Structure formats: C-alpha cells, structure tokens
Amino acid sequence: MTTRIYLDVHALQTVPPSNLNRDDTGAPKSAVYGGVPRARVSSQAWKRATRAYFSDEHLLEPNELGVRTKKVAEVLAERISALDPAIERAEALQTAAVVIETATGSKIEVPKRNADAAKDAEEQPAPQSKYLMFLSARQLDSLAALAVEGSPDIKGYLKDKANKARAKEIADTRHSVDIALFGRMVADSADINVDAAVQVAHAISVHRVENESDYYTAVDDRNTDAEPGAGMIGTVDFNSATLYRYAALGVHQLTDNLGQGLREDEPLTTPVRRAVEAFVHGFVASLPTGKINTFGHHTLPDAVIVKLRTTRPVSFVAAFEEPVQADHRSGHVKEASARLAEYIPDIERAYGDEESTLTWVLRVGPNTEKLTGIGEEATNLTSLVSRVGQAVADHLDKPA
C-alpha cells in the first residue's frame, strides 16, 4: 500500500476592488464565517484558473493535459480525420460517437434544440455528450487510432468483445495530469470515474466584507454637444479582500491516478513530481478572471505556506474564525500573518507529527515578517516549487 503523503498549500492574497467569481445575481460570491459576512471565491473558480494556468504558462505539455467538453465527438473526430484524411467529417463524427459511447457508456447524440434548428441545413450538427466529458490527450489519441482501425464498420468492429474491452481500457488508463489532480465523474459509467487527488477550499476573506456597487456611464462617441447624457448607464458589484486560500493534494492518490506515468522512458516519480510542481505553481500563481477587464485585479499572494505531511490534511482557516480587524497603518495582511504565525505552531503541537512534516514559506514584504521561522524560507516561487518537488520525489523513492 502506498504511504499517505499530503501537501497542504496555504496562501494569503489581497485583491483590490474586483468581482472574481459572481453569483446568479452578478454580485461577488460571499459566505458567513465566524458570524460575519466574508468575500468568497468558489473552489471551482480557482480550480478552473489553475487548469488554465497549466497550459497558458506552459507548465505542462499538451499531451500531459486533457479536454473537458460536451463536444467530445468533435474533438475525437478531428483526431480521426488527422490520422486518416480519407474519412469525411460526417463519417468521422459518427464513428467518434460510437467509439465514445462504447468506451465511456455515455450517450452521444445531437441535442434536440440543435437538431430542430438545423432541420433545413445541408450539414447536420455534431452529436454531443449530455454532460462535460473529461478525457486526456493520450486517451483521445488512442481512441482515434482504434476508430481508424475499425473503420468503416466501427459498430461491427466494436461488437468483438476484445475490441470493446480495449476501448473501455483506453478510457480508463493514461490519465492526464489535470484528470489525475481534479478527478473525473462519468455518470453513466462509474467504473471509469477518477477520484480527485486535490481538494480545494473556497477562498474566504480573513475579515468582514460588504459588497459595494459601482455606478458607471459610457459615452457615445458620435454624440454632439447638443446631445448631452450617457449612451449607456449601469452598475457592477464588487468588493476587495485579503483572502485565505487553501488546497490539499494527496500525493499517494495522484500517484495511483497517474498509473505507470506519462512517458515510457521515465520512472514513476518523474511524472508525479512534474504534476506536483505544476499544481503548486499553478495554484499559487493563478487568478480567476471574472470581470478582469473591468477591474484589472492582477495580484499575487503576500504569503504562501506549503506543508508536506504523512498524517492528514489540515486547513488553518480557524485562525480567522474571529475576523481580522483592519489596521489603518497596515491593513489586514500584517494581522493575518501574525494570526497564522501564532496558530500554526499551536495546531501542529496539538495534532501534528513534527518528525514527518516539512514546511516551506514564501513571503513578500514586512507585513508578513511574523511568518519567518514557520518553515524553511524560499526566496522565490521557482525555488519553492523545486524544493517541494524534490521532497515529494524523495518520499516516493523511500522503500515502502
């Protein structure tokens, strides 16, 4: 049995007036914690931002990532046509739908609204999954190869038990890093579900927050002096906050999810280390982009604390159950850092395992000075990521 290894990633991050993550009314999401309203950014919003950061910043290669879409038949059909250009688009789509249905157990068909809208069109709309389907690049490539092999009678080809089993096996092996990290749920075929290795908490402000509203006007460039007034008026809700962010990564689960690794010429520890480093880097540096053109809220964490432990994940959010009070000279970060510097040793003394726990700290500015001594200090994010990755590899290399 793989030894349990957890990575806890904690961050304090201040964002200016912004609307990172909206609710159904367009207002920034919020929550009540410690009896007061807090700013909140959902876990889904930051997981999405982290996944996007993997590719946007080239932390991982395209073949290490997956695609999550209802348009999975189109994605697979493109690969089929690339392998065999003689297969026309309509046939490729039909073949792709059959292969995905066989591999995942999910129904792939043209949505009724699309079919009704295209009744008189020459080209019929592409079939889709009823829900988002998450498949790795390697799974899609292998399914495309199988589809070409079974063409033109893909239905007959997949009636063979060995071929059908092979299709199912492809869909449940060689998971991409993002599938291994964030998991996959296939409602129609639970046996190919992937348990997530990462749990991401909803980020909440360390202090009380009340949403505000900005009244804005837009000028019509073609208006003359005789046409006073705005061309458009409206309101947008926003808030500003110092957020506590937390994520827990089960390295042992990640190792199981990745299976035999992503590359044939690598030992198992290499892809796991790459995935861990990509996650730590991506989670720390990413930022949800809700209303970013309106607010330009480009900030990075003031402090990051990473712990590697073999006990169980531990969030430090309780340090802020009593909301931090603003200091007119230093805002919220200084007091939030002091709270963590006091709370972390207390919780570790009561519940931690000092011998098996490693701690790293990355901090910026004098307001985070109280966190000095909490762990081994990293001078920059690159150094932090490298040290964490090396420690994980060292743990994995230890004999069971």
Protein backbone atom coordinates (compact mmCIF):
# COMPACT_ATOMS: atom_id res chain seq x y z
CA MET A 1 0.00 0.00 0.00
CA THR A 2 1.32 3.46 -0.91
CA THR A 3 2.30 5.59 2.10
CA ARG A 4 -0.06 8.50 2.57
CA ILE A 5 1.59 11.79 1.62
CA TYR A 6 -0.29 15.08 1.71
CA LEU A 7 0.66 18.53 0.51
CA ASP A 8 -1.15 21.42 2.16
CA VAL A 9 -0.90 24.73 0.29
CA HIS A 10 -1.95 27.88 2.17
CA ALA A 11 -1.91 31.43 0.80
CA LEU A 12 -2.80 34.94 1.90
CA GLN A 13 -3.71 37.07 -1.09
CA THR A 14 -5.07 40.59 -1.21
CA VAL A 15 -7.23 41.58 -4.16
CA PRO A 16 -8.31 45.17 -4.87
CA PRO A 17 -11.85 46.12 -5.95
CA SER A 18 -12.87 43.16 -8.11
CA ASN A 19 -15.55 40.61 -8.89
CA LEU A 20 -13.56 37.40 -9.30
CA ASN A 21 -16.46 34.97 -9.00
CA ARG A 22 -20.11 36.03 -9.47
CA ASP A 23 -23.30 34.53 -8.11
CA ASP A 24 -26.57 34.29 -10.07
CA THR A 25 -27.31 37.98 -9.47
CA GLY A 26 -23.92 39.15 -10.71
CA ALA A 27 -22.64 40.03 -7.24
CA PRO A 28 -19.35 38.67 -5.85
CA LYS A 29 -19.94 35.40 -4.01
CA SER A 30 -19.97 35.60 -0.24
CA ALA A 31 -20.27 33.44 2.86
CA VAL A 32 -20.87 33.85 6.58
CA TYR A 33 -17.99 32.62 8.72
CA GLY A 34 -17.38 33.48 12.35
CA GLY A 35 -20.75 35.19 12.38
CA VAL A 36 -19.84 37.86 9.80
CA PRO A 37 -20.10 38.11 6.01
CA ARG A 38 -16.93 37.28 4.09
CA ALA A 39 -15.87 37.61 0.49
CA ARG A 40 -15.74 34.17 -1.15
CA VAL A 41 -14.24 32.67 -4.30
CA SER A 42 -15.54 29.20 -5.07
CA SER A 43 -13.24 26.20 -5.31
CA GLN A 44 -14.44 25.58 -8.87
CA ALA A 45 -13.36 29.05 -9.95
CA TRP A 46 -9.83 28.59 -8.65
CA LYS A 47 -9.54 25.02 -9.96
CA ARG A 48 -10.52 26.27 -13.40
CA ALA A 49 -7.94 29.07 -13.14
CA THR A 50 -5.28 26.56 -12.08
CA ARG A 51 -6.06 24.23 -15.01
CA ALA A 52 -5.88 27.15 -17.44
CA TYR A 53 -2.55 28.22 -15.96
CA PHE A 54 -1.04 24.81 -16.76
CA SER A 55 -1.37 25.45 -20.50
CA ASP A 56 -1.27 29.26 -20.61
CA GLU A 57 2.10 29.34 -18.86
CA HIS A 58 3.39 26.12 -20.44
CA LEU A 59 3.83 24.38 -17.10
CA LEU A 60 2.82 21.11 -18.78
CA GLU A 61 2.97 19.79 -22.32
CA PRO A 62 -0.28 19.45 -24.33
CA ASN A 63 -0.04 15.64 -24.19
CA GLU A 64 0.01 15.82 -20.38
CA LEU A 65 -3.35 17.60 -20.26
CA GLY A 66 -6.96 16.73 -21.01
CA VAL A 67 -10.06 18.25 -22.59
CA ARG A 68 -13.33 18.67 -20.71
CA THR A 69 -16.20 19.31 -23.08
CA LYS A 70 -19.63 18.21 -24.23
CA LYS A 71 -18.26 18.44 -27.78
CA VAL A 72 -16.10 15.38 -27.25
CA ALA A 73 -17.27 13.78 -30.51
CA GLU A 74 -15.96 16.76 -32.47
CA VAL A 75 -12.65 16.61 -30.63
CA LEU A 76 -12.25 12.90 -31.37
CA ALA A 77 -13.45 13.31 -34.96
CA GLU A 78 -10.70 15.87 -35.60
CA ARG A 79 -8.12 13.33 -34.46
CA ILE A 80 -9.68 10.60 -36.59
CA SER A 81 -9.57 12.81 -39.70
CA ALA A 82 -5.96 13.77 -38.92
CA LEU A 83 -4.99 10.09 -38.84
CA ASP A 84 -6.96 9.22 -41.99
CA PRO A 85 -7.87 12.24 -44.17
CA ALA A 86 -9.93 9.95 -46.41
CA ILE A 87 -12.58 9.75 -43.69
CA GLU A 88 -15.04 12.59 -44.26
CA ARG A 89 -16.27 14.77 -41.40
CA ALA A 90 -19.76 13.25 -41.18
CA GLU A 91 -18.36 9.72 -41.03
CA ALA A 92 -15.68 10.77 -38.55
CA LEU A 93 -18.32 12.27 -36.25
CA GLN A 94 -20.50 9.18 -36.45
CA THR A 95 -17.52 6.94 -35.79
CA ALA A 96 -16.39 9.12 -32.89
CA ALA A 97 -19.84 8.98 -31.29
CA VAL A 98 -19.90 5.18 -31.43
CA VAL A 99 -16.38 4.87 -30.02
CA ILE A 100 -17.07 7.25 -27.11
CA GLU A 101 -20.36 5.56 -26.28
CA THR A 102 -18.58 2.20 -26.17
CA ALA A 103 -15.59 3.47 -24.19
CA THR A 104 -17.48 5.54 -21.60
CA GLY A 105 -21.02 4.20 -21.57
CA SER A 106 -22.32 7.73 -22.21
CA LYS A 107 -24.97 8.56 -24.76
CA ILE A 108 -23.63 10.75 -27.58
CA GLU A 109 -26.34 12.33 -29.73
CA VAL A 110 -27.34 15.60 -31.37
CA PRO A 111 -29.11 17.84 -28.80
CA LYS A 112 -32.77 18.25 -29.72
CA ARG A 113 -32.54 22.05 -29.85
CA ASN A 114 -29.63 21.81 -32.30
CA ALA A 115 -31.42 19.23 -34.43
CA ASP A 116 -34.59 21.35 -34.60
CA ALA A 117 -32.61 24.46 -35.54
CA ALA A 118 -30.79 22.63 -38.34
CA LYS A 119 -33.67 20.78 -39.97
CA ASP A 120 -33.19 22.50 -43.31
CA ALA A 121 -29.42 22.83 -43.14
CA GLU A 122 -27.20 20.90 -45.51
CA GLU A 123 -24.75 19.90 -42.78
CA GLN A 124 -26.19 18.27 -39.67
CA PRO A 125 -24.95 19.43 -36.25
CA ALA A 126 -22.42 17.34 -34.38
CA PRO A 127 -23.52 14.94 -31.65
CA GLN A 128 -22.63 15.83 -28.06
CA SER A 129 -22.44 14.32 -24.62
CA LYS A 130 -25.21 15.27 -22.20
CA TYR A 131 -22.61 16.48 -19.72
CA LEU A 132 -18.98 17.58 -19.73
CA MET A 133 -16.72 14.68 -20.66
CA PHE A 134 -13.12 14.78 -19.42
CA LEU A 135 -10.62 12.77 -21.49
CA SER A 136 -6.85 13.02 -21.67
CA ALA A 137 -4.96 13.82 -24.87
CA ARG A 138 -3.45 10.33 -24.79
CA GLN A 139 -6.86 8.70 -24.35
CA LEU A 140 -8.24 10.66 -27.29
CA ASP A 141 -5.24 9.78 -29.47
CA SER A 142 -5.60 6.08 -28.65
CA LEU A 143 -9.36 6.12 -29.23
CA ALA A 144 -8.78 7.81 -32.60
CA ALA A 145 -6.31 5.10 -33.58
CA LEU A 146 -8.83 2.44 -32.57
CA ALA A 147 -11.54 4.20 -34.58
CA VAL A 148 -9.41 4.28 -37.73
CA GLU A 149 -8.52 0.63 -37.22
CA GLY A 150 -12.21 -0.27 -37.02
CA SER A 151 -13.36 1.94 -39.88
CA PRO A 152 -15.54 1.84 -41.91
CA ASP A 153 -17.67 -0.64 -39.91
CA ILE A 154 -16.95 0.65 -36.44
CA LYS A 155 -20.13 -0.83 -34.95
CA GLY A 156 -19.25 -4.28 -36.20
CA TYR A 157 -15.66 -3.85 -35.06
CA LEU A 158 -16.74 -2.99 -31.52
CA LYS A 159 -19.10 -5.98 -31.29
CA ASP A 160 -15.97 -8.03 -30.81
CA LYS A 161 -15.52 -8.40 -27.04
CA ALA A 162 -11.76 -7.84 -27.18
CA ASN A 163 -12.13 -4.60 -29.16
CA LYS A 164 -14.88 -3.35 -26.86
CA ALA A 165 -12.78 -4.13 -23.78
CA ARG A 166 -9.85 -2.32 -25.38
CA ALA A 167 -11.94 0.80 -25.91
CA LYS A 168 -13.01 0.79 -22.27
CA GLU A 169 -9.44 0.22 -21.12
CA ILE A 170 -8.20 3.19 -23.15
CA ALA A 171 -10.73 5.48 -21.46
CA ASP A 172 -9.56 4.38 -18.01
CA THR A 173 -5.76 4.45 -18.39
CA ARG A 174 -3.10 7.03 -19.18
CA HIS A 175 -4.91 9.81 -17.37
CA SER A 176 -3.70 13.34 -17.94
CA VAL A 177 -2.26 15.38 -15.08
CA ASP A 178 -5.39 17.52 -14.74
CA ILE A 179 -7.65 14.46 -14.61
CA ALA A 180 -5.35 12.85 -12.04
CA LEU A 181 -5.40 16.02 -9.95
CA PHE A 182 -9.03 17.12 -10.18
CA GLY A 183 -10.76 13.82 -10.87
CA ARG A 184 -13.44 12.77 -13.33
CA MET A 185 -17.05 11.74 -12.89
CA VAL A 186 -18.82 9.80 -15.62
CA ALA A 187 -22.44 9.50 -14.55
CA ASP A 188 -23.27 6.63 -16.91
CA SER A 189 -20.18 4.55 -16.14
CA ALA A 190 -18.99 4.88 -12.55
CA ASP A 191 -16.27 2.28 -13.08
CA ILE A 192 -14.19 4.79 -15.05
CA ASN A 193 -14.58 7.59 -12.52
CA VAL A 194 -11.32 9.04 -11.19
CA ASP A 195 -11.11 10.14 -7.56
CA ALA A 196 -9.61 13.62 -7.33
CA ALA A 197 -6.18 13.89 -5.73
CA VAL A 198 -6.77 17.56 -4.94
CA GLN A 199 -9.28 19.21 -2.64
CA VAL A 200 -9.61 22.99 -2.97
CA ALA A 201 -11.34 25.06 -0.31
CA HIS A 202 -13.50 28.06 -1.07
CA ALA A 203 -11.25 31.06 -0.54
CA ILE A 204 -12.70 33.43 2.05
CA SER A 205 -11.67 36.82 3.35
CA VAL A 206 -9.95 36.91 6.72
CA HIS A 207 -12.09 39.91 7.64
CA ARG A 208 -15.63 41.19 7.35
CA VAL A 209 -16.58 42.28 3.82
CA GLU A 210 -19.61 44.11 2.47
CA ASN A 211 -20.18 44.20 -1.28
CA GLU A 212 -20.24 47.59 -2.96
CA SER A 213 -21.79 48.79 -6.20
CA ASP A 214 -20.19 50.93 -8.90
CA TYR A 215 -22.46 53.18 -10.95
CA TYR A 216 -20.92 53.69 -14.38
CA THR A 217 -21.70 55.59 -17.57
CA ALA A 218 -20.48 55.14 -21.12
CA VAL A 219 -20.21 57.98 -23.62
CA ASP A 220 -21.46 57.66 -27.19
CA ASP A 221 -18.51 58.74 -29.35
CA ARG A 222 -20.86 60.10 -32.03
CA ASN A 223 -22.86 62.35 -29.70
CA THR A 224 -22.62 66.10 -30.27
CA ASP A 225 -22.73 68.91 -27.71
CA ALA A 226 -26.44 69.12 -28.41
CA GLU A 227 -26.89 65.53 -27.25
CA PRO A 228 -25.95 65.51 -23.55
CA GLY A 229 -26.15 62.43 -21.41
CA ALA A 230 -24.66 58.99 -21.43
CA GLY A 231 -25.02 56.41 -24.15
CA MET A 232 -25.26 53.71 -21.50
CA ILE A 233 -25.53 53.52 -17.73
CA GLY A 234 -25.36 50.60 -15.36
CA THR A 235 -23.98 49.17 -12.14
CA VAL A 236 -21.45 46.47 -11.31
CA ASP A 237 -20.97 44.94 -7.88
CA PHE A 238 -17.52 44.44 -6.39
CA ASN A 239 -15.54 44.03 -3.18
CA SER A 240 -11.92 43.96 -2.04
CA ALA A 241 -10.43 41.48 0.41
CA THR A 242 -7.45 39.72 1.87
CA LEU A 243 -8.25 36.07 1.13
CA TYR A 244 -7.15 32.90 2.86
CA ARG A 245 -6.72 30.20 0.21
CA TYR A 246 -6.17 26.50 0.88
CA ALA A 247 -5.74 23.29 -1.11
CA ALA A 248 -4.80 19.75 -0.10
CA LEU A 249 -3.08 17.38 -2.52
CA GLY A 250 -2.97 13.65 -1.79
CA VAL A 251 0.30 12.65 -3.45
CA HIS A 252 -0.47 8.95 -2.94
CA GLN A 253 -3.80 9.34 -4.77
CA LEU A 254 -2.10 11.31 -7.53
CA THR A 255 0.44 8.51 -7.90
CA ASP A 256 -2.32 5.92 -8.23
CA ASN A 257 -4.23 8.06 -10.73
CA LEU A 258 -1.23 8.57 -12.97
CA GLY A 259 -0.63 4.83 -13.06
CA GLN A 260 2.58 3.94 -14.83
CA GLY A 261 3.39 7.53 -15.71
CA LEU A 262 3.04 9.71 -18.75
CA ARG A 263 6.21 8.78 -20.61
CA GLU A 264 7.60 5.38 -21.43
CA ASP A 265 11.21 6.34 -20.63
CA GLU A 266 10.57 7.82 -17.18
CA PRO A 267 10.44 6.34 -13.70
CA LEU A 268 7.13 6.80 -11.89
CA THR A 269 8.47 9.55 -9.63
CA THR A 270 9.21 11.88 -12.55
CA PRO A 271 5.64 12.45 -13.81
CA VAL A 272 4.34 12.62 -10.23
CA ARG A 273 6.93 15.24 -9.37
CA ARG A 274 6.07 17.19 -12.53
CA ALA A 275 2.39 17.08 -11.62
CA VAL A 276 3.04 18.19 -8.03
CA GLU A 277 5.26 21.06 -9.13
CA ALA A 278 2.77 22.16 -11.79
CA PHE A 279 -0.06 22.14 -9.26
CA VAL A 280 1.82 24.10 -6.58
CA HIS A 281 2.99 26.65 -9.16
CA GLY A 282 -0.40 26.87 -10.88
CA PHE A 283 -2.48 27.09 -7.72
CA VAL A 284 -0.28 29.77 -6.16
CA ALA A 285 0.12 31.96 -9.25
CA SER A 286 -3.27 31.57 -10.96
CA LEU A 287 -6.14 34.02 -10.62
CA PRO A 288 -9.82 33.80 -11.60
CA THR A 289 -10.51 36.23 -14.42
CA GLY A 290 -14.09 37.28 -13.63
CA LYS A 291 -14.56 40.95 -14.66
CA ILE A 292 -10.78 41.29 -15.04
CA ASN A 293 -11.08 43.77 -17.90
CA THR A 294 -13.21 45.96 -15.65
CA PHE A 295 -11.03 45.78 -12.54
CA GLY A 296 -7.56 44.62 -13.60
CA HIS A 297 -7.12 42.79 -10.30
CA HIS A 298 -3.72 41.25 -11.10
CA THR A 299 -2.23 40.36 -7.71
CA LEU A 300 -0.13 37.53 -6.29
CA PRO A 301 -0.12 36.10 -2.76
CA ASP A 302 1.59 38.03 0.02
CA ALA A 303 2.47 34.75 1.72
CA VAL A 304 2.48 31.07 0.80
CA ILE A 305 2.98 28.20 3.24
CA VAL A 306 3.40 24.63 1.98
CA LYS A 307 3.44 21.61 4.28
CA LEU A 308 4.32 18.04 3.37
CA ARG A 309 2.88 15.61 5.89
CA THR A 310 2.02 11.94 6.30
CA THR A 311 -0.85 12.37 8.76
CA ARG A 312 -3.88 14.13 7.27
CA PRO A 313 -4.65 17.45 5.58
CA VAL A 314 -5.01 20.42 7.94
CA SER A 315 -6.51 23.79 6.99
CA PHE A 316 -5.57 26.84 9.05
CA VAL A 317 -8.79 28.71 8.32
CA ALA A 318 -9.78 28.57 12.01
CA ALA A 319 -7.11 31.20 12.64
CA PHE A 320 -9.58 33.64 11.08
CA GLU A 321 -12.81 32.43 12.68
CA GLU A 322 -12.61 35.68 14.61
CA PRO A 323 -12.40 38.22 11.80
CA VAL A 324 -9.25 40.28 11.48
CA GLN A 325 -9.75 43.96 12.24
CA ALA A 326 -8.23 46.45 9.80
CA ASP A 327 -5.26 48.48 10.95
CA HIS A 328 -5.29 51.89 9.28
CA ARG A 329 -1.50 51.75 9.11
CA SER A 330 -1.07 48.25 7.67
CA GLY A 331 -4.43 46.88 6.51
CA HIS A 332 -5.26 43.21 7.04
CA VAL A 333 -2.15 41.36 5.88
CA LYS A 334 0.02 42.13 8.89
CA GLU A 335 -2.54 40.90 11.42
CA ALA A 336 -3.47 37.88 9.25
CA SER A 337 0.20 36.86 9.08
CA ALA A 338 0.53 37.25 12.85
CA ARG A 339 -2.57 35.10 13.35
CA LEU A 340 -1.09 32.32 11.21
CA ALA A 341 2.31 32.60 12.90
CA GLU A 342 0.60 32.02 16.25
CA TYR A 343 -1.98 29.44 15.17
CA ILE A 344 0.23 27.11 13.10
CA PRO A 345 2.61 26.10 15.92
CA ASP A 346 -0.34 25.60 18.27
CA ILE A 347 -2.26 23.29 15.92
CA GLU A 348 0.90 21.39 14.97
CA ARG A 349 1.83 20.92 18.64
CA ALA A 350 -1.62 19.54 19.41
CA TYR A 351 -2.17 17.37 16.35
CA GLY A 352 0.89 17.34 14.11
CA ASP A 353 3.81 14.99 13.63
CA GLU A 354 6.96 17.10 13.73
CA GLU A 355 9.26 14.31 12.56
CA SER A 356 7.35 13.60 9.34
CA THR A 357 6.26 17.16 8.45
CA LEU A 358 8.21 19.54 6.26
CA THR A 359 7.33 23.23 5.90
CA TRP A 360 8.28 25.92 3.38
CA VAL A 361 7.40 29.61 3.41
CA LEU A 362 7.39 32.16 0.60
CA ARG A 363 6.57 35.67 1.73
CA VAL A 364 6.66 39.23 0.45
CA GLY A 365 7.19 42.46 2.37
CA PRO A 366 7.47 43.47 6.04
CA ASN A 367 3.81 42.79 6.83
CA THR A 368 4.46 39.04 6.60
CA GLU A 369 7.58 39.12 8.76
CA LYS A 370 5.91 37.24 11.61
CA LEU A 371 5.87 34.13 9.40
CA THR A 372 9.65 33.98 9.45
CA GLY A 373 10.64 30.81 11.27
CA ILE A 374 7.43 28.92 10.48
CA GLY A 375 9.38 26.87 7.97
CA GLU A 376 12.25 26.86 5.51
CA GLU A 377 12.14 30.13 3.60
CA ALA A 378 12.14 30.15 -0.19
CA THR A 379 13.43 33.21 -2.00
CA ASN A 380 11.03 32.91 -4.94
CA LEU A 381 8.27 30.75 -6.38
CA THR A 382 10.64 28.76 -8.59
CA SER A 383 12.72 27.82 -5.57
CA LEU A 384 9.63 26.89 -3.54
CA VAL A 385 8.25 24.67 -6.31
CA SER A 386 11.60 22.93 -6.83
CA ARG A 387 12.10 22.22 -3.13
CA VAL A 388 8.61 20.82 -2.74
CA GLY A 389 9.02 18.67 -5.85
CA GLN A 390 12.33 17.27 -4.65
CA ALA A 391 10.89 16.43 -1.22
CA VAL A 392 7.98 14.60 -2.82
CA ALA A 393 10.34 12.62 -5.06
CA ASP A 394 12.47 11.72 -2.04
CA HIS A 395 9.39 10.44 -0.20
CA LEU A 396 8.30 8.36 -3.17
CA ASP A 397 11.76 6.86 -3.54
CA LYS A 398 11.76 5.61 0.06
CA PRO A 399 11.15 1.87 0.41
CA ALA A 400 7.58 1.04 1.47
